[in-house]
Amino acid sequence: MRAAVLLAILGTSGCMTGDGMQTKLRDATTEYNRAVRWRDVDRAAEFLPAESQQAFLRKCEELGEELVVVDYELTRLDLDKTTGVAASRAQIWWHTDDSTVIETTAVDQLWQFHEGNFILVDERRSSGERLSLFPEFVEDEHPWLPGLEDYRKSRAIGEDNKKSGRVAGAKKKKKTETGGPVVPPPSWGPAESRPLADGSDLGEGASLLQ
């Protein structure tokens, strides 16, 4: 009986083992990018903060049928299990409705694990052709996403760590599963193939599109 109560408490508080968090991250990144690929904008919006969803939907509506996403590939997936901050990179192949020329754009995505789910808190172009759906790193304000810091502050994410005496933010070096620190944009470099969080490698040219 006590075990059942404990499990219920952990479930409602959003606590999760590292392996479970890793699976949630893989699912979230795959489903979000797949939704963008197939223009399922309502599904894609579910991965954004609630206050950002309407602006995102309006932006997608502005593009309408003009943007055609041909395919996508996830080339990077890093997770810091301590803070729940994750980074992913998506390579997107697309063209406009009035052109047959295929363009390529690499997009860096920043995620925050909160209350049992990963939320996309920032998404910007890192290389390739500029695409209006994604802002540039040099732009201070994101058109529809509040960004990692505002999102964390508005939901007091990390307050529990402060109360327990853990060193937060830049005072503590965060390690990812691949051995390097999770570094938020804009310090990411050009797109490159990286191992996924579980150590597996997608391999060059491998597609997650089903």
N, C-alpha and C. Protein backbone atom coordinates (compact mmCIF):
# COMPACT_ATOMS: atom_id res chain seq x y z
N MET A 1 0.84 -1.20 0.00
CA MET A 1 0.00 0.00 0.00
C MET A 1 0.88 1.25 0.00
N ARG A 2 1.91 1.25 0.86
CA ARG A 2 2.80 2.40 0.92
C ARG A 2 3.51 2.60 -0.40
N ALA A 3 3.90 1.50 -1.05
CA ALA A 3 4.59 1.59 -2.33
C ALA A 3 3.69 2.23 -3.38
N ALA A 4 2.40 1.86 -3.38
CA ALA A 4 1.47 2.42 -4.34
C ALA A 4 1.29 3.92 -4.13
N VAL A 5 1.20 4.33 -2.87
CA VAL A 5 1.05 5.75 -2.55
C VAL A 5 2.28 6.52 -3.00
N LEU A 6 3.48 5.95 -2.75
CA LEU A 6 4.72 6.61 -3.14
C LEU A 6 4.80 6.79 -4.64
N LEU A 7 4.43 5.77 -5.39
CA LEU A 7 4.45 5.86 -6.85
C LEU A 7 3.50 6.94 -7.35
N ALA A 8 2.35 7.04 -6.71
CA ALA A 8 1.37 8.04 -7.10
C ALA A 8 1.91 9.44 -6.87
N ILE A 9 2.60 9.64 -5.75
CA ILE A 9 3.17 10.95 -5.43
C ILE A 9 4.24 11.32 -6.44
N LEU A 10 5.11 10.37 -6.76
CA LEU A 10 6.18 10.63 -7.72
C LEU A 10 5.61 10.96 -9.09
N GLY A 11 4.54 10.27 -9.45
CA GLY A 11 3.93 10.50 -10.76
C GLY A 11 3.35 11.88 -10.88
N THR A 12 2.70 12.37 -9.83
CA THR A 12 2.07 13.68 -9.89
C THR A 12 3.08 14.80 -9.77
N SER A 13 4.23 14.54 -9.17
CA SER A 13 5.22 15.61 -9.00
C SER A 13 6.10 15.76 -10.21
N GLY A 14 5.99 14.84 -11.19
CA GLY A 14 6.78 14.97 -12.40
C GLY A 14 8.15 14.33 -12.28
N CYS A 15 8.43 13.64 -11.18
CA CYS A 15 9.72 12.99 -11.02
C CYS A 15 9.81 11.80 -11.96
N MET A 16 11.02 11.54 -12.46
CA MET A 16 11.19 10.45 -13.39
C MET A 16 12.64 10.02 -13.39
N THR A 17 12.88 8.73 -13.61
CA THR A 17 14.24 8.25 -13.71
C THR A 17 14.88 8.79 -14.97
N GLY A 18 16.22 8.72 -15.03
CA GLY A 18 16.93 9.22 -16.19
C GLY A 18 16.52 8.52 -17.46
N ASP A 19 16.35 7.18 -17.39
CA ASP A 19 15.95 6.43 -18.57
C ASP A 19 14.57 6.85 -19.07
N GLY A 20 13.64 7.06 -18.13
CA GLY A 20 12.31 7.50 -18.52
C GLY A 20 12.33 8.89 -19.14
N MET A 21 13.17 9.77 -18.60
CA MET A 21 13.29 11.12 -19.13
C MET A 21 13.88 11.08 -20.55
N GLN A 22 14.84 10.20 -20.73
CA GLN A 22 15.47 10.06 -22.05
C GLN A 22 14.47 9.59 -23.09
N THR A 23 13.62 8.64 -22.72
CA THR A 23 12.60 8.15 -23.64
C THR A 23 11.60 9.25 -23.97
N LYS A 24 11.21 10.04 -22.97
CA LYS A 24 10.29 11.15 -23.19
C LYS A 24 10.90 12.17 -24.15
N LEU A 25 12.19 12.42 -24.01
CA LEU A 25 12.86 13.38 -24.89
C LEU A 25 12.86 12.88 -26.33
N ARG A 26 13.21 11.63 -26.51
CA ARG A 26 13.25 11.07 -27.86
C ARG A 26 11.85 11.14 -28.50
N ASP A 27 10.84 10.79 -27.72
CA ASP A 27 9.46 10.83 -28.24
C ASP A 27 9.04 12.25 -28.60
N ALA A 28 9.35 13.21 -27.72
CA ALA A 28 8.93 14.59 -27.93
C ALA A 28 9.59 15.19 -29.16
N THR A 29 10.90 15.00 -29.31
CA THR A 29 11.60 15.58 -30.45
C THR A 29 11.13 14.95 -31.76
N THR A 30 10.92 13.64 -31.74
CA THR A 30 10.47 12.96 -32.96
C THR A 30 9.06 13.39 -33.34
N GLU A 31 8.16 13.42 -32.36
CA GLU A 31 6.77 13.74 -32.65
C GLU A 31 6.60 15.20 -33.07
N TYR A 32 7.34 16.10 -32.42
CA TYR A 32 7.23 17.51 -32.78
C TYR A 32 7.69 17.74 -34.22
N ASN A 33 8.88 17.24 -34.56
CA ASN A 33 9.42 17.46 -35.90
C ASN A 33 8.59 16.74 -36.96
N ARG A 34 8.04 15.60 -36.62
CA ARG A 34 7.16 14.89 -37.56
C ARG A 34 5.88 15.70 -37.79
N ALA A 35 5.37 16.32 -36.73
CA ALA A 35 4.15 17.13 -36.87
C ALA A 35 4.42 18.34 -37.77
N VAL A 36 5.58 18.96 -37.61
CA VAL A 36 5.94 20.08 -38.48
C VAL A 36 6.06 19.60 -39.92
N ARG A 37 6.66 18.42 -40.09
CA ARG A 37 6.83 17.85 -41.43
C ARG A 37 5.50 17.66 -42.15
N TRP A 38 4.50 17.17 -41.43
CA TRP A 38 3.20 16.86 -42.05
C TRP A 38 2.17 17.96 -41.86
N ARG A 39 2.61 19.14 -41.44
CA ARG A 39 1.72 20.29 -41.25
C ARG A 39 0.62 20.03 -40.23
N ASP A 40 0.89 19.17 -39.30
CA ASP A 40 -0.05 18.94 -38.21
C ASP A 40 0.27 19.96 -37.13
N VAL A 41 -0.08 21.22 -37.40
CA VAL A 41 0.35 22.32 -36.55
C VAL A 41 -0.28 22.27 -35.16
N ASP A 42 -1.49 21.75 -35.06
CA ASP A 42 -2.13 21.65 -33.75
C ASP A 42 -1.35 20.68 -32.86
N ARG A 43 -0.90 19.57 -33.44
CA ARG A 43 -0.09 18.62 -32.68
C ARG A 43 1.26 19.22 -32.31
N ALA A 44 1.89 19.92 -33.24
CA ALA A 44 3.18 20.55 -32.97
C ALA A 44 3.06 21.57 -31.84
N ALA A 45 1.95 22.32 -31.84
CA ALA A 45 1.76 23.36 -30.82
C ALA A 45 1.66 22.78 -29.41
N GLU A 46 1.26 21.52 -29.30
CA GLU A 46 1.13 20.91 -27.98
C GLU A 46 2.47 20.78 -27.26
N PHE A 47 3.57 20.87 -27.98
CA PHE A 47 4.89 20.75 -27.38
C PHE A 47 5.45 22.11 -26.96
N LEU A 48 4.69 23.19 -27.20
CA LEU A 48 5.13 24.53 -26.84
C LEU A 48 4.50 24.96 -25.52
N PRO A 49 5.10 25.95 -24.84
CA PRO A 49 4.44 26.52 -23.67
C PRO A 49 3.06 27.05 -24.05
N ALA A 50 2.11 26.93 -23.15
CA ALA A 50 0.72 27.31 -23.45
C ALA A 50 0.62 28.75 -23.94
N GLU A 51 1.43 29.65 -23.36
CA GLU A 51 1.34 31.05 -23.73
C GLU A 51 1.93 31.33 -25.12
N SER A 52 2.56 30.34 -25.72
CA SER A 52 3.19 30.52 -27.03
C SER A 52 2.41 29.86 -28.16
N GLN A 53 1.45 29.03 -27.84
CA GLN A 53 0.81 28.21 -28.85
C GLN A 53 0.04 29.02 -29.89
N GLN A 54 -0.72 30.01 -29.47
CA GLN A 54 -1.52 30.78 -30.42
C GLN A 54 -0.66 31.57 -31.40
N ALA A 55 0.43 32.15 -30.92
CA ALA A 55 1.33 32.89 -31.80
C ALA A 55 1.98 31.95 -32.81
N PHE A 56 2.32 30.74 -32.36
CA PHE A 56 2.90 29.74 -33.26
C PHE A 56 1.91 29.35 -34.34
N LEU A 57 0.66 29.12 -33.96
CA LEU A 57 -0.37 28.74 -34.92
C LEU A 57 -0.63 29.86 -35.93
N ARG A 58 -0.58 31.10 -35.46
CA ARG A 58 -0.77 32.23 -36.37
C ARG A 58 0.37 32.30 -37.39
N LYS A 59 1.60 32.04 -36.93
CA LYS A 59 2.75 32.06 -37.83
C LYS A 59 2.62 30.97 -38.88
N CYS A 60 2.21 29.80 -38.48
CA CYS A 60 2.02 28.69 -39.42
C CYS A 60 0.93 29.02 -40.42
N GLU A 61 -0.12 29.71 -39.95
CA GLU A 61 -1.22 30.07 -40.84
C GLU A 61 -0.77 31.08 -41.88
N GLU A 62 0.13 31.99 -41.48
CA GLU A 62 0.67 32.98 -42.41
C GLU A 62 1.42 32.31 -43.56
N LEU A 63 2.18 31.26 -43.21
CA LEU A 63 2.93 30.54 -44.24
C LEU A 63 2.01 29.74 -45.14
N GLY A 64 0.92 29.23 -44.54
CA GLY A 64 -0.08 28.49 -45.30
C GLY A 64 0.51 27.36 -46.10
N GLU A 65 0.13 27.30 -47.38
CA GLU A 65 0.61 26.25 -48.28
C GLU A 65 1.94 26.61 -48.93
N GLU A 66 2.47 27.79 -48.61
CA GLU A 66 3.69 28.25 -49.27
C GLU A 66 4.89 27.37 -48.93
N LEU A 67 4.97 26.88 -47.68
CA LEU A 67 6.10 26.07 -47.25
C LEU A 67 5.78 24.59 -47.36
N VAL A 68 6.66 23.86 -48.03
CA VAL A 68 6.51 22.41 -48.16
C VAL A 68 7.75 21.75 -47.56
N VAL A 69 7.57 21.05 -46.44
CA VAL A 69 8.68 20.34 -45.81
C VAL A 69 8.76 18.95 -46.41
N VAL A 70 9.89 18.64 -47.02
CA VAL A 70 10.07 17.37 -47.72
C VAL A 70 10.46 16.26 -46.75
N ASP A 71 11.36 16.54 -45.84
CA ASP A 71 11.85 15.53 -44.90
C ASP A 71 12.57 16.22 -43.76
N TYR A 72 12.89 15.46 -42.73
CA TYR A 72 13.69 15.98 -41.62
C TYR A 72 14.54 14.85 -41.07
N GLU A 73 15.58 15.22 -40.35
CA GLU A 73 16.47 14.25 -39.73
C GLU A 73 16.97 14.81 -38.41
N LEU A 74 16.89 14.06 -37.34
CA LEU A 74 17.45 14.46 -36.06
C LEU A 74 18.92 14.05 -36.03
N THR A 75 19.81 15.02 -35.83
CA THR A 75 21.24 14.73 -35.85
C THR A 75 21.91 14.94 -34.51
N ARG A 76 21.16 15.46 -33.53
CA ARG A 76 21.76 15.70 -32.21
C ARG A 76 20.69 15.58 -31.15
N LEU A 77 21.05 14.94 -30.05
CA LEU A 77 20.12 14.81 -28.94
C LEU A 77 20.93 14.68 -27.65
N ASP A 78 21.00 15.76 -26.88
CA ASP A 78 21.76 15.79 -25.64
C ASP A 78 20.83 16.08 -24.47
N LEU A 79 21.07 15.44 -23.35
CA LEU A 79 20.20 15.59 -22.18
C LEU A 79 21.00 15.74 -20.91
N ASP A 80 20.68 16.75 -20.12
CA ASP A 80 21.21 16.91 -18.78
C ASP A 80 20.12 16.47 -17.82
N LYS A 81 20.27 15.27 -17.28
CA LYS A 81 19.22 14.69 -16.43
C LYS A 81 19.05 15.45 -15.12
N THR A 82 20.09 16.14 -14.67
CA THR A 82 20.01 16.86 -13.39
C THR A 82 19.08 18.06 -13.48
N THR A 83 19.18 18.81 -14.57
CA THR A 83 18.37 20.02 -14.71
C THR A 83 17.15 19.80 -15.60
N GLY A 84 17.13 18.69 -16.37
CA GLY A 84 16.03 18.47 -17.29
C GLY A 84 16.10 19.33 -18.53
N VAL A 85 17.27 19.91 -18.80
CA VAL A 85 17.47 20.73 -19.99
C VAL A 85 18.04 19.83 -21.09
N ALA A 86 17.48 19.91 -22.30
CA ALA A 86 17.92 19.07 -23.40
C ALA A 86 18.08 19.91 -24.66
N ALA A 87 18.97 19.44 -25.54
CA ALA A 87 19.21 20.12 -26.81
C ALA A 87 19.07 19.12 -27.94
N SER A 88 18.38 19.53 -28.99
CA SER A 88 18.26 18.69 -30.17
C SER A 88 18.54 19.54 -31.40
N ARG A 89 18.94 18.87 -32.47
CA ARG A 89 19.16 19.57 -33.74
C ARG A 89 18.43 18.81 -34.84
N ALA A 90 17.70 19.53 -35.65
CA ALA A 90 16.95 18.93 -36.75
C ALA A 90 17.41 19.52 -38.07
N GLN A 91 17.69 18.64 -39.01
CA GLN A 91 18.01 19.05 -40.37
C GLN A 91 16.72 18.95 -41.18
N ILE A 92 16.32 20.04 -41.81
CA ILE A 92 15.04 20.11 -42.51
C ILE A 92 15.26 20.38 -43.99
N TRP A 93 14.63 19.56 -44.83
CA TRP A 93 14.65 19.78 -46.28
C TRP A 93 13.29 20.32 -46.70
N TRP A 94 13.26 21.41 -47.44
CA TRP A 94 12.02 22.07 -47.76
C TRP A 94 12.12 22.83 -49.09
N HIS A 95 10.97 23.24 -49.59
CA HIS A 95 10.93 24.13 -50.73
C HIS A 95 9.65 24.94 -50.65
N THR A 96 9.58 26.02 -51.39
CA THR A 96 8.36 26.82 -51.42
C THR A 96 7.42 26.24 -52.46
N ASP A 97 6.18 26.61 -52.35
CA ASP A 97 5.15 26.04 -53.22
C ASP A 97 5.38 26.38 -54.70
N ASP A 98 6.02 27.52 -54.94
CA ASP A 98 6.24 27.94 -56.32
C ASP A 98 7.64 27.62 -56.83
N SER A 99 8.36 26.74 -56.13
CA SER A 99 9.71 26.38 -56.55
C SER A 99 9.95 24.89 -56.33
N THR A 100 10.78 24.31 -57.20
CA THR A 100 11.13 22.89 -57.04
C THR A 100 12.53 22.72 -56.46
N VAL A 101 13.18 23.83 -56.12
CA VAL A 101 14.53 23.79 -55.55
C VAL A 101 14.45 23.41 -54.08
N ILE A 102 15.12 22.32 -53.72
CA ILE A 102 15.11 21.86 -52.33
C ILE A 102 16.17 22.62 -51.53
N GLU A 103 15.74 23.25 -50.46
CA GLU A 103 16.66 23.96 -49.56
C GLU A 103 16.86 23.13 -48.29
N THR A 104 17.97 23.42 -47.59
CA THR A 104 18.26 22.72 -46.33
C THR A 104 18.49 23.74 -45.22
N THR A 105 17.86 23.49 -44.08
CA THR A 105 18.02 24.36 -42.92
C THR A 105 18.23 23.51 -41.68
N ALA A 106 19.24 23.85 -40.89
CA ALA A 106 19.47 23.17 -39.61
C ALA A 106 18.92 24.03 -38.48
N VAL A 107 18.18 23.41 -37.58
CA VAL A 107 17.51 24.14 -36.51
C VAL A 107 17.93 23.55 -35.16
N ASP A 108 18.34 24.42 -34.24
CA ASP A 108 18.66 24.00 -32.88
C ASP A 108 17.46 24.22 -31.99
N GLN A 109 17.11 23.18 -31.25
CA GLN A 109 15.93 23.22 -30.39
C GLN A 109 16.34 23.00 -28.94
N LEU A 110 15.77 23.79 -28.05
CA LEU A 110 16.06 23.69 -26.62
C LEU A 110 14.80 23.26 -25.88
N TRP A 111 14.92 22.24 -25.04
CA TRP A 111 13.78 21.66 -24.35
C TRP A 111 13.95 21.74 -22.84
N GLN A 112 12.83 21.81 -22.12
CA GLN A 112 12.83 21.80 -20.66
C GLN A 112 11.86 20.73 -20.16
N PHE A 113 12.34 19.83 -19.32
CA PHE A 113 11.48 18.81 -18.73
C PHE A 113 10.77 19.41 -17.52
N HIS A 114 9.44 19.38 -17.54
CA HIS A 114 8.66 19.98 -16.46
C HIS A 114 7.33 19.26 -16.32
N GLU A 115 7.04 18.83 -15.10
CA GLU A 115 5.78 18.15 -14.79
C GLU A 115 5.54 16.95 -15.70
N GLY A 116 6.59 16.19 -15.94
CA GLY A 116 6.46 14.93 -16.65
C GLY A 116 6.55 14.99 -18.16
N ASN A 117 6.78 16.18 -18.72
CA ASN A 117 6.85 16.30 -20.18
C ASN A 117 7.96 17.26 -20.59
N PHE A 118 8.44 17.08 -21.82
CA PHE A 118 9.41 18.01 -22.38
C PHE A 118 8.68 19.10 -23.16
N ILE A 119 9.05 20.36 -22.88
CA ILE A 119 8.45 21.51 -23.53
C ILE A 119 9.53 22.20 -24.37
N LEU A 120 9.19 22.53 -25.61
CA LEU A 120 10.12 23.25 -26.48
C LEU A 120 10.13 24.72 -26.07
N VAL A 121 11.27 25.19 -25.57
CA VAL A 121 11.34 26.56 -25.06
C VAL A 121 12.16 27.49 -25.95
N ASP A 122 12.86 26.94 -26.94
CA ASP A 122 13.56 27.81 -27.89
C ASP A 122 13.88 27.02 -29.15
N GLU A 123 13.85 27.68 -30.29
CA GLU A 123 14.11 27.02 -31.56
C GLU A 123 14.60 28.07 -32.54
N ARG A 124 15.85 27.91 -33.04
CA ARG A 124 16.44 28.90 -33.92
C ARG A 124 17.28 28.25 -35.01
N ARG A 125 17.39 28.93 -36.14
CA ARG A 125 18.19 28.42 -37.25
C ARG A 125 19.67 28.46 -36.88
N SER A 126 20.38 27.36 -37.14
CA SER A 126 21.82 27.32 -36.85
C SER A 126 22.66 27.37 -38.12
N SER A 127 22.11 26.87 -39.24
CA SER A 127 22.84 26.93 -40.51
C SER A 127 21.88 26.66 -41.65
N GLY A 128 22.37 26.82 -42.88
CA GLY A 128 21.52 26.59 -44.04
C GLY A 128 20.73 27.82 -44.43
N GLU A 129 19.77 27.62 -45.32
CA GLU A 129 18.96 28.73 -45.81
C GLU A 129 18.04 29.26 -44.72
N ARG A 130 17.87 30.57 -44.70
CA ARG A 130 16.98 31.17 -43.72
C ARG A 130 15.54 30.79 -44.02
N LEU A 131 14.81 30.44 -42.97
CA LEU A 131 13.41 30.05 -43.07
C LEU A 131 12.63 30.85 -42.04
N SER A 132 11.61 31.56 -42.49
CA SER A 132 10.93 32.51 -41.60
C SER A 132 10.26 31.86 -40.40
N LEU A 133 10.05 30.55 -40.48
CA LEU A 133 9.43 29.86 -39.34
C LEU A 133 10.35 29.85 -38.12
N PHE A 134 11.67 30.01 -38.36
CA PHE A 134 12.65 29.95 -37.27
C PHE A 134 13.46 31.24 -37.21
N PRO A 135 13.54 31.87 -36.04
CA PRO A 135 14.30 33.11 -35.90
C PRO A 135 15.81 32.84 -35.94
N GLU A 136 16.57 33.92 -36.06
CA GLU A 136 18.02 33.83 -36.07
C GLU A 136 18.55 33.91 -34.63
N PHE A 137 19.76 33.41 -34.42
CA PHE A 137 20.37 33.49 -33.09
C PHE A 137 20.62 34.95 -32.68
N VAL A 138 20.83 35.82 -33.65
CA VAL A 138 21.14 37.21 -33.33
C VAL A 138 19.90 37.98 -32.88
N GLU A 139 18.73 37.40 -33.07
CA GLU A 139 17.50 38.06 -32.64
C GLU A 139 17.29 37.80 -31.15
N ASP A 140 17.23 38.87 -30.39
CA ASP A 140 17.09 38.74 -28.93
C ASP A 140 15.73 38.16 -28.55
N GLU A 141 14.69 38.64 -29.20
CA GLU A 141 13.34 38.21 -28.85
C GLU A 141 12.85 37.13 -29.82
N HIS A 142 12.39 36.03 -29.28
CA HIS A 142 11.82 34.99 -30.12
C HIS A 142 10.37 35.37 -30.43
N PRO A 143 9.93 35.18 -31.69
CA PRO A 143 8.58 35.63 -32.07
C PRO A 143 7.45 35.03 -31.24
N TRP A 144 7.59 33.76 -30.81
CA TRP A 144 6.46 33.16 -30.09
C TRP A 144 6.86 32.28 -28.91
N LEU A 145 8.14 32.02 -28.74
CA LEU A 145 8.57 31.22 -27.59
C LEU A 145 9.17 32.12 -26.53
N PRO A 146 8.81 31.93 -25.25
CA PRO A 146 9.31 32.81 -24.19
C PRO A 146 10.78 32.60 -23.88
N GLY A 147 11.36 31.47 -24.29
CA GLY A 147 12.76 31.22 -24.01
C GLY A 147 12.95 30.49 -22.69
N LEU A 148 14.10 29.91 -22.53
CA LEU A 148 14.38 29.07 -21.38
C LEU A 148 14.29 29.83 -20.06
N GLU A 149 14.93 30.98 -19.97
CA GLU A 149 15.00 31.70 -18.70
C GLU A 149 13.62 32.16 -18.24
N ASP A 150 12.85 32.78 -19.15
CA ASP A 150 11.52 33.26 -18.77
C ASP A 150 10.63 32.09 -18.38
N TYR A 151 10.74 31.00 -19.12
CA TYR A 151 9.90 29.83 -18.84
C TYR A 151 10.24 29.25 -17.48
N ARG A 152 11.52 29.15 -17.17
CA ARG A 152 11.94 28.60 -15.87
C ARG A 152 11.50 29.51 -14.72
N LYS A 153 11.68 30.82 -14.92
CA LYS A 153 11.33 31.76 -13.86
C LYS A 153 9.83 31.77 -13.58
N SER A 154 9.02 31.74 -14.65
CA SER A 154 7.57 31.83 -14.47
C SER A 154 7.00 30.60 -13.78
N ARG A 155 7.74 29.49 -13.84
CA ARG A 155 7.26 28.25 -13.21
C ARG A 155 8.13 27.80 -12.04
N ALA A 156 9.04 28.68 -11.61
CA ALA A 156 9.92 28.39 -10.48
C ALA A 156 10.67 27.08 -10.64
N ILE A 157 11.04 26.76 -11.90
CA ILE A 157 11.81 25.55 -12.15
C ILE A 157 13.22 25.76 -11.62
N GLY A 158 13.69 24.82 -10.81
CA GLY A 158 15.00 24.93 -10.21
C GLY A 158 14.98 25.43 -8.79
N GLU A 159 13.82 25.87 -8.30
CA GLU A 159 13.73 26.35 -6.93
C GLU A 159 14.04 25.24 -5.93
N ASP A 160 13.60 24.01 -6.24
CA ASP A 160 13.87 22.90 -5.34
C ASP A 160 15.37 22.66 -5.21
N ASN A 161 16.10 22.84 -6.30
CA ASN A 161 17.55 22.66 -6.26
C ASN A 161 18.20 23.70 -5.36
N LYS A 162 17.70 24.93 -5.42
CA LYS A 162 18.26 25.99 -4.58
C LYS A 162 18.02 25.69 -3.11
N LYS A 163 16.82 25.19 -2.79
CA LYS A 163 16.49 24.91 -1.40
C LYS A 163 17.34 23.78 -0.83
N SER A 164 17.75 22.85 -1.72
CA SER A 164 18.53 21.72 -1.24
C SER A 164 20.01 22.04 -1.18
N GLY A 165 20.36 23.27 -1.57
CA GLY A 165 21.75 23.68 -1.46
C GLY A 165 22.59 23.37 -2.67
N ARG A 166 21.98 22.90 -3.75
CA ARG A 166 22.74 22.62 -4.96
C ARG A 166 23.13 23.92 -5.64
N VAL A 167 24.29 23.89 -6.28
CA VAL A 167 24.72 25.05 -7.02
C VAL A 167 24.01 25.06 -8.36
N ALA A 168 23.39 26.19 -8.72
CA ALA A 168 22.59 26.25 -9.94
C ALA A 168 23.29 27.07 -11.00
N GLY A 169 22.78 26.97 -12.21
CA GLY A 169 23.22 27.79 -13.33
C GLY A 169 24.67 27.57 -13.69
N ALA A 170 25.35 28.69 -13.99
CA ALA A 170 26.72 28.60 -14.49
C ALA A 170 27.71 28.19 -13.42
N LYS A 171 27.31 28.19 -12.15
CA LYS A 171 28.22 27.83 -11.08
C LYS A 171 28.49 26.34 -11.03
N LYS A 172 27.65 25.58 -11.71
CA LYS A 172 27.82 24.14 -11.72
C LYS A 172 27.96 23.66 -13.15
N LYS A 173 28.98 22.91 -13.46
CA LYS A 173 29.19 22.40 -14.81
C LYS A 173 28.27 21.24 -15.05
N LYS A 174 27.46 21.37 -16.10
CA LYS A 174 26.46 20.35 -16.40
C LYS A 174 27.01 19.39 -17.43
N LYS A 175 26.91 18.10 -17.20
CA LYS A 175 27.40 17.09 -18.12
C LYS A 175 26.24 16.43 -18.84
N THR A 176 26.42 16.18 -20.12
CA THR A 176 25.42 15.45 -20.88
C THR A 176 25.82 14.00 -20.95
N GLU A 177 24.92 13.18 -21.49
CA GLU A 177 25.20 11.76 -21.60
C GLU A 177 26.34 11.48 -22.56
N THR A 178 26.58 12.41 -23.49
CA THR A 178 27.65 12.20 -24.44
C THR A 178 28.97 12.74 -23.90
N GLY A 179 28.96 13.27 -22.66
CA GLY A 179 30.19 13.67 -22.02
C GLY A 179 30.47 15.16 -22.05
N GLY A 180 29.74 15.95 -22.80
CA GLY A 180 29.98 17.38 -22.89
C GLY A 180 28.85 18.16 -22.25
N PRO A 181 29.07 19.45 -22.01
CA PRO A 181 28.03 20.27 -21.36
C PRO A 181 26.90 20.61 -22.32
N VAL A 182 25.69 20.71 -21.78
CA VAL A 182 24.58 21.21 -22.58
C VAL A 182 24.71 22.72 -22.63
N VAL A 183 24.98 23.26 -23.79
CA VAL A 183 25.20 24.69 -23.95
C VAL A 183 24.03 25.29 -24.72
N PRO A 184 23.26 26.18 -24.10
CA PRO A 184 22.12 26.77 -24.79
C PRO A 184 22.59 27.61 -25.98
N PRO A 185 21.72 27.87 -26.96
CA PRO A 185 22.06 28.76 -28.07
C PRO A 185 22.44 30.13 -27.51
N PRO A 186 23.27 30.95 -28.22
CA PRO A 186 23.66 30.75 -29.60
C PRO A 186 25.04 30.15 -29.78
N SER A 187 25.62 29.48 -28.82
CA SER A 187 26.99 29.03 -28.92
C SER A 187 27.16 27.75 -29.71
N TRP A 188 26.05 27.10 -30.13
CA TRP A 188 26.18 25.91 -30.95
C TRP A 188 26.81 26.27 -32.28
N GLY A 189 27.60 25.36 -32.82
CA GLY A 189 28.22 25.59 -34.11
C GLY A 189 27.36 25.06 -35.23
N PRO A 190 27.95 24.92 -36.42
CA PRO A 190 27.20 24.42 -37.58
C PRO A 190 26.67 23.01 -37.33
N ALA A 191 25.65 22.63 -38.07
CA ALA A 191 25.03 21.32 -37.89
C ALA A 191 26.02 20.22 -38.17
N GLU A 192 25.97 19.16 -37.36
CA GLU A 192 26.84 18.02 -37.54
C GLU A 192 26.16 16.81 -36.94
N SER A 193 26.59 15.63 -37.38
CA SER A 193 26.00 14.41 -36.86
C SER A 193 26.53 14.14 -35.47
N ARG A 194 25.65 13.91 -34.50
CA ARG A 194 26.04 13.63 -33.14
C ARG A 194 25.32 12.40 -32.65
N PRO A 195 25.91 11.64 -31.69
CA PRO A 195 25.20 10.49 -31.13
C PRO A 195 23.96 10.93 -30.40
N LEU A 196 22.98 10.05 -30.33
CA LEU A 196 21.78 10.33 -29.55
C LEU A 196 22.08 10.15 -28.07
N ALA A 197 21.11 10.50 -27.22
CA ALA A 197 21.34 10.51 -25.78
C ALA A 197 21.67 9.13 -25.22
N ASP A 198 21.20 8.05 -25.87
CA ASP A 198 21.46 6.73 -25.34
C ASP A 198 22.76 6.14 -25.87
N GLY A 199 23.52 6.96 -26.60
CA GLY A 199 24.80 6.50 -27.10
C GLY A 199 24.73 5.94 -28.51
N SER A 200 23.52 5.73 -29.05
CA SER A 200 23.39 5.22 -30.40
C SER A 200 23.62 6.34 -31.39
N ASP A 201 23.91 6.00 -32.62
CA ASP A 201 24.17 6.99 -33.65
C ASP A 201 23.20 6.80 -34.79
N LEU A 202 22.54 7.90 -35.18
CA LEU A 202 21.60 7.81 -36.28
C LEU A 202 22.31 7.45 -37.57
N GLY A 203 23.56 7.92 -37.70
CA GLY A 203 24.30 7.69 -38.91
C GLY A 203 23.96 8.73 -39.96
N GLU A 204 24.94 9.09 -40.77
CA GLU A 204 24.74 10.13 -41.76
C GLU A 204 23.69 9.72 -42.77
N GLY A 205 22.72 10.60 -42.98
CA GLY A 205 21.69 10.35 -43.97
C GLY A 205 20.52 9.54 -43.46
N ALA A 206 20.60 9.03 -42.22
CA ALA A 206 19.49 8.22 -41.69
C ALA A 206 18.33 9.14 -41.35
N SER A 207 17.12 8.73 -41.69
CA SER A 207 15.94 9.56 -41.47
C SER A 207 15.03 8.93 -40.45
N LEU A 208 14.44 9.78 -39.62
CA LEU A 208 13.47 9.31 -38.64
C LEU A 208 12.05 9.41 -39.18
N LEU A 209 11.89 9.87 -40.41
CA LEU A 209 10.55 10.02 -40.98
C LEU A 209 9.95 8.66 -41.27
N GLN A 210 8.71 8.46 -40.84
CA GLN A 210 8.01 7.21 -41.06
C GLN A 210 6.77 7.46 -41.91
